[in-house]
Amino acid sequence: MSENNSNSSSNGIGFCGLLTVLFVGLKLTNYITWSWLWILSPLWIPALIAIGLLAIIAIYSIIN
């Protein structure tokens, strides 16, 4: 008998990761001349969203 293992998950790279890979590739091929600060900026998007949500929750909890 074969076992069916249905507990698999596929965690992909995500939009921000793909955007970062694209920007790094364009920078390394000299297609764009942006600063590395802007090349790696898509990595900050999830962190900024989390900080923004935490700030909103904190403000809401202070008001109520």
Protein backbone atom coordinates (compact mmCIF):
# COMPACT_ATOMS: atom_id res chain seq x y z
CA MET A 1 0.00 0.00 0.00
CA SER A 2 1.24 3.45 -0.79
CA GLU A 3 0.93 6.32 1.61
CA ASN A 4 -0.48 9.63 0.45
CA ASN A 5 1.23 12.46 2.24
CA SER A 6 -1.02 15.51 1.85
CA ASN A 7 0.85 17.66 4.36
CA SER A 8 3.04 19.31 1.76
CA SER A 9 3.27 23.05 1.45
CA SER A 10 4.76 25.19 -1.25
CA ASN A 11 6.18 28.43 0.04
CA GLY A 12 7.34 30.42 -2.93
CA ILE A 13 9.66 33.37 -3.11
CA GLY A 14 6.87 35.96 -3.22
CA PHE A 15 6.45 39.22 -5.10
CA CYS A 16 8.99 41.24 -3.11
CA GLY A 17 11.63 38.51 -3.47
CA LEU A 18 11.08 38.29 -7.22
CA LEU A 19 11.28 42.05 -7.54
CA THR A 20 14.56 42.07 -5.61
CA VAL A 21 16.02 39.32 -7.81
CA LEU A 22 14.94 41.24 -10.90
CA PHE A 23 16.50 44.49 -9.68
CA VAL A 24 19.76 42.75 -8.71
CA GLY A 25 19.93 41.10 -12.13
CA LEU A 26 19.34 44.39 -13.89
CA LYS A 27 21.98 46.09 -11.73
CA LEU A 28 24.60 43.38 -12.35
CA THR A 29 24.03 43.54 -16.11
CA ASN A 30 24.41 47.35 -16.00
CA TYR A 31 20.91 47.85 -17.39
CA ILE A 32 20.05 50.18 -14.50
CA THR A 33 22.40 52.44 -12.56
CA TRP A 34 20.39 52.81 -9.37
CA SER A 35 21.96 52.84 -5.94
CA TRP A 36 22.08 49.53 -4.06
CA LEU A 37 19.82 51.20 -1.51
CA TRP A 38 17.00 51.23 -4.08
CA ILE A 39 17.92 47.85 -5.55
CA LEU A 40 17.35 46.16 -2.18
CA SER A 41 14.35 48.30 -1.17
CA PRO A 42 11.74 45.61 -2.03
CA LEU A 43 13.14 43.61 0.89
CA TRP A 44 11.94 46.34 3.24
CA ILE A 45 8.30 46.30 2.06
CA PRO A 46 7.10 43.48 4.38
CA ALA A 47 8.94 45.04 7.34
CA LEU A 48 7.43 48.46 6.68
CA ILE A 49 3.94 46.96 6.39
CA ALA A 50 4.41 45.16 9.72
CA ILE A 51 5.68 48.33 11.42
CA GLY A 52 2.76 50.29 10.00
CA LEU A 53 0.23 47.74 11.24
CA LEU A 54 1.82 47.71 14.68
CA ALA A 55 1.68 51.50 14.81
CA ILE A 56 -2.00 51.49 13.86
CA ILE A 57 -2.76 48.88 16.53
CA ALA A 58 -0.82 50.88 19.13
CA ILE A 59 -2.62 54.11 18.26
CA TYR A 60 -5.97 52.33 18.34
CA SER A 61 -5.25 50.79 21.74
CA ILE A 62 -4.15 54.17 23.15
CA ILE A 63 -7.32 55.87 21.91
CA ASN A 64 -9.64 53.19 23.29
